[in-house]
C-alpha atoms as a PDB file:
ATOM      1  CA  MET A   1       0.000   0.000   0.000  1.00  0.00           C
ATOM      2  CA  THR A   2       1.157   3.537  -0.643  1.00  0.00           C
ATOM      3  CA  ARG A   3       1.427   6.179   2.030  1.00  0.00           C
ATOM      4  CA  HIS A   4      -1.888   7.878   2.966  1.00  0.00           C
ATOM      5  CA  GLU A   5      -3.874   5.617   0.634  1.00  0.00           C
ATOM      6  CA  LEU A   6      -7.579   5.373   1.523  1.00  0.00           C
ATOM      7  CA  PHE A   7      -8.991   1.884   0.917  1.00  0.00           C
ATOM      8  CA  PRO A   8     -11.958  -0.310   1.960  1.00  0.00           C
ATOM      9  CA  ALA A   9     -11.772  -2.467   5.089  1.00  0.00           C
ATOM     10  CA  CYS A  10     -13.973  -4.315   7.549  1.00  0.00           C
ATOM     11  CA  ILE A  11     -13.093  -5.103  11.158  1.00  0.00           C
ATOM     12  CA  ILE A  12     -13.357  -8.837  11.818  1.00  0.00           C
ATOM     13  CA  HIS A  13     -11.872  -8.732  15.329  1.00  0.00           C
ATOM     14  CA  ARG A  14     -11.004  -6.088  17.902  1.00  0.00           C
ATOM     15  CA  ARG A  15      -9.680  -6.038  21.431  1.00  0.00           C
ATOM     16  CA  ASP A  16      -8.412  -3.499  23.929  1.00  0.00           C
ATOM     17  CA  TYR A  17      -4.760  -2.544  23.662  1.00  0.00           C
ATOM     18  CA  ARG A  18      -3.111  -0.809  26.572  1.00  0.00           C
ATOM     19  CA  ASN A  19      -5.238   1.889  28.217  1.00  0.00           C
ATOM     20  CA  THR A  20      -6.781   3.853  25.383  1.00  0.00           C
ATOM     21  CA  SER A  21      -6.058   1.985  22.156  1.00  0.00           C
ATOM     22  CA  LEU A  22      -7.572  -0.869  20.143  1.00  0.00           C
ATOM     23  CA  LEU A  23      -5.874  -3.749  18.340  1.00  0.00           C
ATOM     24  CA  LEU A  24      -7.839  -4.491  15.190  1.00  0.00           C
ATOM     25  CA  GLU A  25      -7.840  -7.290  12.673  1.00  0.00           C
ATOM     26  CA  LEU A  26      -8.901  -5.890   9.310  1.00  0.00           C
ATOM     27  CA  PHE A  27     -10.171  -7.698   6.240  1.00  0.00           C
ATOM     28  CA  THR A  28      -9.368  -5.761   3.086  1.00  0.00           C
ATOM     29  CA  PRO A  29      -9.837  -6.548  -0.622  1.00  0.00           C
ATOM     30  CA  HIS A  30      -6.246  -6.082  -1.777  1.00  0.00           C
ATOM     31  CA  GLU A  31      -4.153  -6.576   1.366  1.00  0.00           C
ATOM     32  CA  GLY A  32      -6.133  -9.481   2.787  1.00  0.00           C
ATOM     33  CA  ARG A  33      -6.245  -9.875   6.551  1.00  0.00           C
ATOM     34  CA  LEU A  34      -3.919  -7.595   8.513  1.00  0.00           C
ATOM     35  CA  PRO A  35      -3.548  -6.174  12.054  1.00  0.00           C
ATOM     36  CA  ALA A  36      -3.647  -2.488  12.926  1.00  0.00           C
ATOM     37  CA  ILE A  37      -3.482  -0.393  16.090  1.00  0.00           C
ATOM     38  CA  ALA A  38      -5.961   2.442  16.577  1.00  0.00           C
ATOM     39  CA  LYS A  39      -4.065   4.614  19.041  1.00  0.00           C
ATOM     40  CA  GLY A  40      -6.207   6.580  21.475  1.00  0.00           C
ATOM     41  CA  ALA A  41      -9.445   5.224  20.002  1.00  0.00           C
ATOM     42  CA  LYS A  42     -10.890   4.584  23.482  1.00  0.00           C
ATOM     43  CA  SER A  43      -9.989   8.022  24.760  1.00  0.00           C
ATOM     44  CA  THR A  44     -12.887  10.220  25.865  1.00  0.00           C
ATOM     45  CA  ARG A  45     -11.654  12.802  23.372  1.00  0.00           C
ATOM     46  CA  SER A  46     -11.978  10.367  20.454  1.00  0.00           C
ATOM     47  CA  ASN A  47     -15.149   9.414  18.603  1.00  0.00           C
ATOM     48  CA  ARG A  48     -13.487   6.611  16.661  1.00  0.00           C
ATOM     49  CA  SER A  49     -14.357   3.749  19.031  1.00  0.00           C
ATOM     50  CA  ALA A  50     -18.019   3.761  18.008  1.00  0.00           C
ATOM     51  CA  LEU A  51     -16.989   3.667  14.347  1.00  0.00           C
ATOM     52  CA  LEU A  52     -14.432   0.888  14.798  1.00  0.00           C
ATOM     53  CA  GLN A  53     -16.956  -1.921  15.089  1.00  0.00           C
ATOM     54  CA  PRO A  54     -17.486  -5.172  13.164  1.00  0.00           C
ATOM     55  CA  PHE A  55     -20.052  -5.249  10.342  1.00  0.00           C
ATOM     56  CA  MET A  56     -19.413  -1.634   9.357  1.00  0.00           C
ATOM     57  CA  PRO A  57     -17.768  -1.150   5.930  1.00  0.00           C
ATOM     58  CA  LEU A  58     -15.031   1.443   6.339  1.00  0.00           C
ATOM     59  CA  LEU A  59     -12.484   3.443   4.412  1.00  0.00           C
ATOM     60  CA  VAL A  60      -9.151   3.532   6.228  1.00  0.00           C
ATOM     61  CA  THR A  61      -5.625   4.857   5.924  1.00  0.00           C
ATOM     62  CA  LEU A  62      -2.770   2.892   7.481  1.00  0.00           C
ATOM     63  CA  SER A  63       0.901   3.625   7.963  1.00  0.00           C
ATOM     64  CA  GLY A  64       3.983   1.763   9.142  1.00  0.00           C
ATOM     65  CA  ARG A  65       6.447  -0.731   7.694  1.00  0.00           C
ATOM     66  CA  GLY A  66       6.073  -3.462  10.299  1.00  0.00           C
ATOM     67  CA  GLU A  67       3.534  -6.269  10.356  1.00  0.00           C
ATOM     68  CA  ILE A  68       1.182  -4.307  12.616  1.00  0.00           C
ATOM     69  CA  LYS A  69       0.115  -1.057  10.955  1.00  0.00           C
ATOM     70  CA  GLN A  70      -1.120   2.119  12.593  1.00  0.00           C
ATOM     71  CA  LEU A  71      -4.606   3.366  11.783  1.00  0.00           C
ATOM     72  CA  ILE A  72      -4.267   6.987  10.660  1.00  0.00           C
ATOM     73  CA  HIS A  73      -7.747   7.786   9.337  1.00  0.00           C
ATOM     74  CA  VAL A  74     -11.131   6.051   9.263  1.00  0.00           C
ATOM     75  CA  GLU A  75     -14.515   6.974   7.852  1.00  0.00           C
ATOM     76  CA  PRO A  76     -17.698   5.007   7.071  1.00  0.00           C
ATOM     77  CA  GLU A  77     -18.228   3.652   3.584  1.00  0.00           C
ATOM     78  CA  GLY A  78     -21.964   3.897   3.058  1.00  0.00           C
ATOM     79  CA  ARG A  79     -24.612   3.149   5.666  1.00  0.00           C
ATOM     80  CA  PRO A  80     -23.887   1.088   8.819  1.00  0.00           C
ATOM     81  CA  LEU A  81     -25.178  -2.486   8.656  1.00  0.00           C
ATOM     82  CA  SER A  82     -27.485  -3.431  11.499  1.00  0.00           C
ATOM     83  CA  LEU A  83     -27.318  -7.082  12.539  1.00  0.00           C
ATOM     84  CA  THR A  84     -29.532  -8.099  15.457  1.00  0.00           C
ATOM     85  CA  GLN A  85     -30.322 -11.280  17.371  1.00  0.00           C
ATOM     86  CA  GLU A  86     -29.625 -14.386  15.256  1.00  0.00           C
ATOM     87  CA  LYS A  87     -28.095 -12.365  12.405  1.00  0.00           C
ATOM     88  CA  LEU A  88     -25.547 -10.841  14.807  1.00  0.00           C
ATOM     89  CA  TYR A  89     -24.229 -14.302  15.667  1.00  0.00           C
ATOM     90  CA  CYS A  90     -24.156 -15.135  11.959  1.00  0.00           C
ATOM     91  CA  GLY A  91     -21.891 -12.135  11.476  1.00  0.00           C
ATOM     92  CA  PHE A  92     -19.595 -13.297  14.271  1.00  0.00           C
ATOM     93  CA  TYR A  93     -19.498 -16.708  12.587  1.00  0.00           C
ATOM     94  CA  LEU A  94     -18.408 -15.201   9.251  1.00  0.00           C
ATOM     95  CA  ASN A  95     -15.679 -13.212  10.986  1.00  0.00           C
ATOM     96  CA  GLU A  96     -14.408 -16.237  12.874  1.00  0.00           C
ATOM     97  CA  LEU A  97     -14.198 -18.263   9.667  1.00  0.00           C
ATOM     98  CA  LEU A  98     -12.080 -15.509   8.112  1.00  0.00           C
ATOM     99  CA  MET A  99      -9.847 -15.307  11.197  1.00  0.00           C
ATOM    100  CA  ARG A 100      -9.325 -19.070  11.280  1.00  0.00           C
ATOM    101  CA  LEU A 101      -8.976 -19.879   7.583  1.00  0.00           C
ATOM    102  CA  LEU A 102      -7.280 -16.863   5.982  1.00  0.00           C
ATOM    103  CA  GLU A 103      -3.574 -16.245   6.286  1.00  0.00           C
ATOM    104  CA  ARG A 104      -2.487 -12.671   6.864  1.00  0.00           C
ATOM    105  CA  LYS A 105      -1.458 -10.605   3.833  1.00  0.00           C
ATOM    106  CA  ASP A 106      -3.130 -13.049   1.434  1.00  0.00           C
ATOM    107  CA  PRO A 107      -5.592 -10.980  -0.654  1.00  0.00           C
ATOM    108  CA  PHE A 108      -8.986 -12.278  -1.786  1.00  0.00           C
ATOM    109  CA  PRO A 109     -10.735  -9.326  -3.489  1.00  0.00           C
ATOM    110  CA  ALA A 110     -13.684 -11.398  -4.745  1.00  0.00           C
ATOM    111  CA  LEU A 111     -14.205 -12.892  -1.288  1.00  0.00           C
ATOM    112  CA  TYR A 112     -14.180  -9.410   0.266  1.00  0.00           C
ATOM    113  CA  VAL A 113     -16.986  -8.337  -2.065  1.00  0.00           C
ATOM    114  CA  HIS A 114     -18.920 -11.503  -1.236  1.00  0.00           C
ATOM    115  CA  TYR A 115     -18.385 -10.927   2.492  1.00  0.00           C
ATOM    116  CA  VAL A 116     -19.770  -7.379   2.404  1.00  0.00           C
ATOM    117  CA  HIS A 117     -22.671  -8.521   0.220  1.00  0.00           C
ATOM    118  CA  THR A 118     -23.449 -11.305   2.699  1.00  0.00           C
ATOM    119  CA  LEU A 119     -23.550  -8.800   5.569  1.00  0.00           C
ATOM    120  CA  GLU A 120     -25.912  -6.622   3.512  1.00  0.00           C
ATOM    121  CA  ARG A 121     -28.166  -9.629   2.842  1.00  0.00           C
ATOM    122  CA  LEU A 122     -28.231 -10.563   6.522  1.00  0.00           C
ATOM    123  CA  ALA A 123     -29.095  -6.980   7.447  1.00  0.00           C
ATOM    124  CA  SER A 124     -31.954  -6.985   4.918  1.00  0.00           C
ATOM    125  CA  HIS A 125     -33.614 -10.004   6.576  1.00  0.00           C
ATOM    126  CA  GLU A 126     -32.801 -12.616   3.957  1.00  0.00           C
ATOM    127  CA  SER A 127     -32.630 -16.251   5.092  1.00  0.00           C
ATOM    128  CA  ALA A 128     -29.629 -16.666   7.372  1.00  0.00           C
ATOM    129  CA  ASP A 129     -29.138 -20.294   6.318  1.00  0.00           C
ATOM    130  CA  GLN A 130     -29.092 -19.414   2.629  1.00  0.00           C
ATOM    131  CA  CYS A 131     -26.660 -16.531   3.179  1.00  0.00           C
ATOM    132  CA  LEU A 132     -24.284 -18.623   5.279  1.00  0.00           C
ATOM    133  CA  ARG A 133     -24.232 -21.593   2.922  1.00  0.00           C
ATOM    134  CA  GLU A 134     -23.462 -19.398  -0.086  1.00  0.00           C
ATOM    135  CA  PHE A 135     -20.674 -17.616   1.799  1.00  0.00           C
ATOM    136  CA  GLU A 136     -19.168 -20.912   2.971  1.00  0.00           C
ATOM    137  CA  LEU A 137     -19.137 -22.175  -0.608  1.00  0.00           C
ATOM    138  CA  ALA A 138     -17.491 -18.959  -1.821  1.00  0.00           C
ATOM    139  CA  LEU A 139     -14.900 -19.110   0.951  1.00  0.00           C
ATOM    140  CA  LEU A 140     -13.945 -22.712   0.172  1.00  0.00           C
ATOM    141  CA  HIS A 141     -13.766 -21.916  -3.548  1.00  0.00           C
ATOM    142  CA  GLU A 142     -11.450 -18.945  -2.969  1.00  0.00           C
ATOM    143  CA  LEU A 143      -9.193 -21.072  -0.765  1.00  0.00           C
ATOM    144  CA  GLY A 144      -8.908 -23.706  -3.491  1.00  0.00           C
ATOM    145  CA  TYR A 145     -11.221 -26.198  -1.786  1.00  0.00           C
ATOM    146  CA  GLY A 146     -14.228 -25.743  -4.062  1.00  0.00           C
ATOM    147  CA  LEU A 147     -16.875 -28.456  -3.766  1.00  0.00           C
ATOM    148  CA  LEU A 148     -17.951 -30.866  -6.472  1.00  0.00           C
ATOM    149  CA  LEU A 149     -21.746 -30.712  -6.287  1.00  0.00           C
ATOM    150  CA  ASP A 150     -23.247 -31.382  -9.718  1.00  0.00           C
ATOM    151  CA  ARG A 151     -21.702 -34.767 -10.599  1.00  0.00           C
ATOM    152  CA  THR A 152     -20.507 -37.872  -8.803  1.00  0.00           C
ATOM    153  CA  ALA A 153     -16.904 -38.237  -7.672  1.00  0.00           C
ATOM    154  CA  ASP A 154     -16.412 -41.779  -8.961  1.00  0.00           C
ATOM    155  CA  THR A 155     -18.188 -41.892 -12.317  1.00  0.00           C
ATOM    156  CA  GLY A 156     -18.638 -38.219 -13.185  1.00  0.00           C
ATOM    157  CA  GLU A 157     -22.322 -38.804 -13.865  1.00  0.00           C
ATOM    158  CA  PRO A 158     -24.684 -35.867 -13.292  1.00  0.00           C
ATOM    159  CA  VAL A 159     -26.268 -35.664  -9.859  1.00  0.00           C
ATOM    160  CA  ILE A 160     -29.969 -36.526 -10.041  1.00  0.00           C
ATOM    161  CA  ALA A 161     -32.381 -34.613  -7.822  1.00  0.00           C
ATOM    162  CA  GLU A 162     -34.368 -37.710  -6.797  1.00  0.00           C
ATOM    163  CA  GLU A 163     -31.332 -39.861  -5.918  1.00  0.00           C
ATOM    164  CA  SER A 164     -29.498 -40.150  -2.563  1.00  0.00           C
ATOM    165  CA  TYR A 165     -25.797 -39.438  -2.010  1.00  0.00           C
ATOM    166  CA  HIS A 166     -23.003 -39.507   0.544  1.00  0.00           C
ATOM    167  CA  TYR A 167     -20.389 -36.754   0.337  1.00  0.00           C
ATOM    168  CA  VAL A 168     -16.711 -37.587   0.896  1.00  0.00           C
ATOM    169  CA  VAL A 169     -14.601 -34.559   1.833  1.00  0.00           C
ATOM    170  CA  GLU A 170     -12.080 -33.516  -0.835  1.00  0.00           C
ATOM    171  CA  GLN A 171     -13.704 -35.932  -3.288  1.00  0.00           C
ATOM    172  CA  GLY A 172     -17.391 -35.317  -3.832  1.00  0.00           C
ATOM    173  CA  PRO A 173     -20.742 -37.105  -3.786  1.00  0.00           C
ATOM    174  CA  TYR A 174     -21.229 -40.850  -4.204  1.00  0.00           C
ATOM    175  CA  LYS A 175     -24.614 -42.305  -5.056  1.00  0.00           C
ATOM    176  CA  VAL A 176     -25.984 -44.683  -2.422  1.00  0.00           C
ATOM    177  CA  SER A 177     -28.945 -47.014  -2.356  1.00  0.00           C
ATOM    178  CA  ASP A 178     -29.088 -47.393   1.430  1.00  0.00           C
ATOM    179  CA  THR A 179     -31.242 -44.519   2.704  1.00  0.00           C
ATOM    180  CA  GLN A 180     -30.059 -45.201   6.266  1.00  0.00           C
ATOM    181  CA  VAL A 181     -26.481 -44.172   5.465  1.00  0.00           C
ATOM    182  CA  GLU A 182     -25.014 -41.548   7.779  1.00  0.00           C
ATOM    183  CA  ASP A 183     -25.081 -37.946   6.505  1.00  0.00           C
ATOM    184  CA  LEU A 184     -27.434 -38.811   3.659  1.00  0.00           C
ATOM    185  CA  LEU A 185     -27.910 -36.069   1.059  1.00  0.00           C
ATOM    186  CA  HIS A 186     -30.561 -35.775  -1.599  1.00  0.00           C
ATOM    187  CA  GLY A 187     -29.473 -34.806  -5.066  1.00  0.00           C
ATOM    188  CA  ARG A 188     -31.864 -31.851  -4.956  1.00  0.00           C
ATOM    189  CA  THR A 189     -29.878 -30.365  -2.065  1.00  0.00           C
ATOM    190  CA  LEU A 190     -26.577 -30.744  -3.916  1.00  0.00           C
ATOM    191  CA  LEU A 191     -27.977 -29.166  -7.076  1.00  0.00           C
ATOM    192  CA  HIS A 192     -29.520 -26.266  -5.184  1.00  0.00           C
ATOM    193  CA  LEU A 193     -26.155 -25.592  -3.531  1.00  0.00           C
ATOM    194  CA  HIS A 194     -24.380 -25.826  -6.870  1.00  0.00           C
ATOM    195  CA  ASN A 195     -26.805 -23.383  -8.511  1.00  0.00           C
ATOM    196  CA  ARG A 196     -27.102 -21.139  -5.414  1.00  0.00           C
ATOM    197  CA  LYS A 197     -30.863 -21.711  -5.388  1.00  0.00           C
ATOM    198  CA  ASN A 198     -33.007 -21.357  -2.269  1.00  0.00           C
ATOM    199  CA  LEU A 199     -33.076 -24.513  -0.186  1.00  0.00           C
ATOM    200  CA  ASP A 200     -36.281 -26.128   1.018  1.00  0.00           C
ATOM    201  CA  GLU A 201     -36.691 -27.221   4.658  1.00  0.00           C
ATOM    202  CA  GLN A 202     -35.068 -30.599   4.065  1.00  0.00           C
ATOM    203  CA  GLY A 203     -32.273 -29.007   2.056  1.00  0.00           C
ATOM    204  CA  VAL A 204     -31.523 -26.470   4.798  1.00  0.00           C
ATOM    205  CA  ALA A 205     -30.905 -29.267   7.314  1.00  0.00           C
ATOM    206  CA  GLU A 206     -28.872 -31.388   4.897  1.00  0.00           C
ATOM    207  CA  ALA A 207     -26.754 -28.488   3.658  1.00  0.00           C
ATOM    208  CA  LYS A 208     -25.987 -27.363   7.212  1.00  0.00           C
ATOM    209  CA  ARG A 209     -24.767 -30.853   8.160  1.00  0.00           C
ATOM    210  CA  LEU A 210     -22.685 -31.099   5.001  1.00  0.00           C
ATOM    211  CA  MET A 211     -20.990 -27.718   5.344  1.00  0.00           C
ATOM    212  CA  ARG A 212     -20.339 -28.211   9.059  1.00  0.00           C
ATOM    213  CA  ARG A 213     -18.581 -31.510   8.341  1.00  0.00           C
ATOM    214  CA  ILE A 214     -16.517 -30.093   5.477  1.00  0.00           C
ATOM    215  CA  LEU A 215     -15.464 -26.965   7.368  1.00  0.00           C
ATOM    216  CA  ALA A 216     -14.516 -29.056  10.416  1.00  0.00           C
ATOM    217  CA  PHE A 217     -12.044 -30.886   8.168  1.00  0.00           C
ATOM    218  CA  TYR A 218     -10.204 -27.619   7.456  1.00  0.00           C
ATOM    219  CA  LEU A 219     -10.724 -25.919  10.810  1.00  0.00           C
ATOM    220  CA  GLY A 220      -9.352 -28.781  12.903  1.00  0.00           C
ATOM    221  CA  ASP A 221     -10.378 -29.795  16.403  1.00  0.00           C
ATOM    222  CA  LYS A 222     -10.717 -26.333  17.953  1.00  0.00           C
ATOM    223  CA  PRO A 223     -14.452 -25.506  18.135  1.00  0.00           C
ATOM    224  CA  LEU A 224     -15.848 -22.251  16.813  1.00  0.00           C
ATOM    225  CA  LYS A 225     -16.610 -19.799  19.612  1.00  0.00           C
ATOM    226  CA  SER A 226     -19.393 -18.156  17.607  1.00  0.00           C
ATOM    227  CA  ARG A 227     -21.198 -21.496  17.285  1.00  0.00           C
ATOM    228  CA  GLU A 228     -20.947 -22.061  21.034  1.00  0.00           C
ATOM    229  CA  LEU A 229     -22.350 -18.575  21.678  1.00  0.00           C
ATOM    230  CA  PHE A 230     -25.239 -19.179  19.306  1.00  0.00           C
ATOM    231  CA  GLN A 231     -26.062 -22.520  20.934  1.00  0.00           C
ATOM    232  CA  GLY A 232     -26.064 -20.742  24.283  1.00  0.00           C
ATOM    233  CA  LEU A 233     -28.504 -18.176  22.907  1.00  0.00           C
ATOM    234  CA  LYS A 234     -30.846 -20.960  21.792  1.00  0.00           C
END
């Protein structure tokens, strides 16, 4: 980045730093994920603390040559996004996925656009399940782990809506005849995910199980804090 450049960013994590400052983790389109210190942001003379919140698209200026930059200037980019109740925990979930799966300084401009769009959809009362599944698919695709959803892993035959399948991580779906198989998926669910079409009630449950199992493969054994918080809310 050049000196005094103003560029888009979203805060995906923040914590107190010393007495009056904040340590931020920013997600940006062209610099990826990076840390920054907002000096004096908690001071009574500063109005930046209220602005430096998650789920608020920002324009920022950073400086410094080290890994941790200094926040020089911040202003809102458009209207604040209001996430409440269940949607607020969905936002925390998106941020935790980015924190856990993205390496610092690894840019994903298309994913940044999708992230902001997902927050906008959540704030406009679209289906949380649909928004989350589409973001998870986009995230895995950007990381190089895109899912095979429209044909079988072994034969390459097209997935059929009325058939039943079992999904093997890092391979794809396999057609099964035993409807008692664990983690059974209907072809309709796979095709709706592939085409980003709205899921029916059965598809919502199946897609959630599928994506949870696939993400667990890449996240490892450490549980997601946002999921624990949401379960506590329920």
